[in-house]
């Protein structure tokens, strides 16, 4: 307290010219921040659309393996029955009934349709021009996409389809990582 000027409380005020310079600098910084955020948002949106397109492309590729997958399952089951039970001991009518029941459980048509619809919904939410945030909504949609992809993978029983499922999961994980940046 005994040091000189310790309790001196003079404050300097900015004159109008200095204050205008501060306000101008502040406005320029805010505009640059807004421009950067807009550019970053566009780049992020483009990346999300790209990843979504890849998932849809992989989903389309599943179709070319679908008919062969069913044939492979039929052959495998017929082979097991012939080997374990013997061809002469198999009731062909009963076998066909059981095969239809089994194939219905392995049918992935419903999951493919739902995944396709989730992708369309994701895209439509991304294209909305509303001012309200959509990050959480996109997060929920991506969770649903993940469920369908997982179900496709568990039902597929085909190596080629499993490869596509892994690629879809990889792209979906990248989408989820990006969505964490916009929540």
Foldseek 3Di string as FASTA:
>chain_A
DPDPPPPPDDDDDDDPVVVVVVVVVVVVVVVVVVVVVVVVLVVLLVLLLVLLVLLLVLLVVVVVCVVVLLVVVVVVVVVVCCVPPNPVRDDVVVVVVVSVVLVVQLDLPVLSVVLVVLSVVLVVLSPDPDPDACLVVNLVSLVVNLVSLVVNCVSRPDPSSVVSSVSNVVSSVVNNVSSVVRD
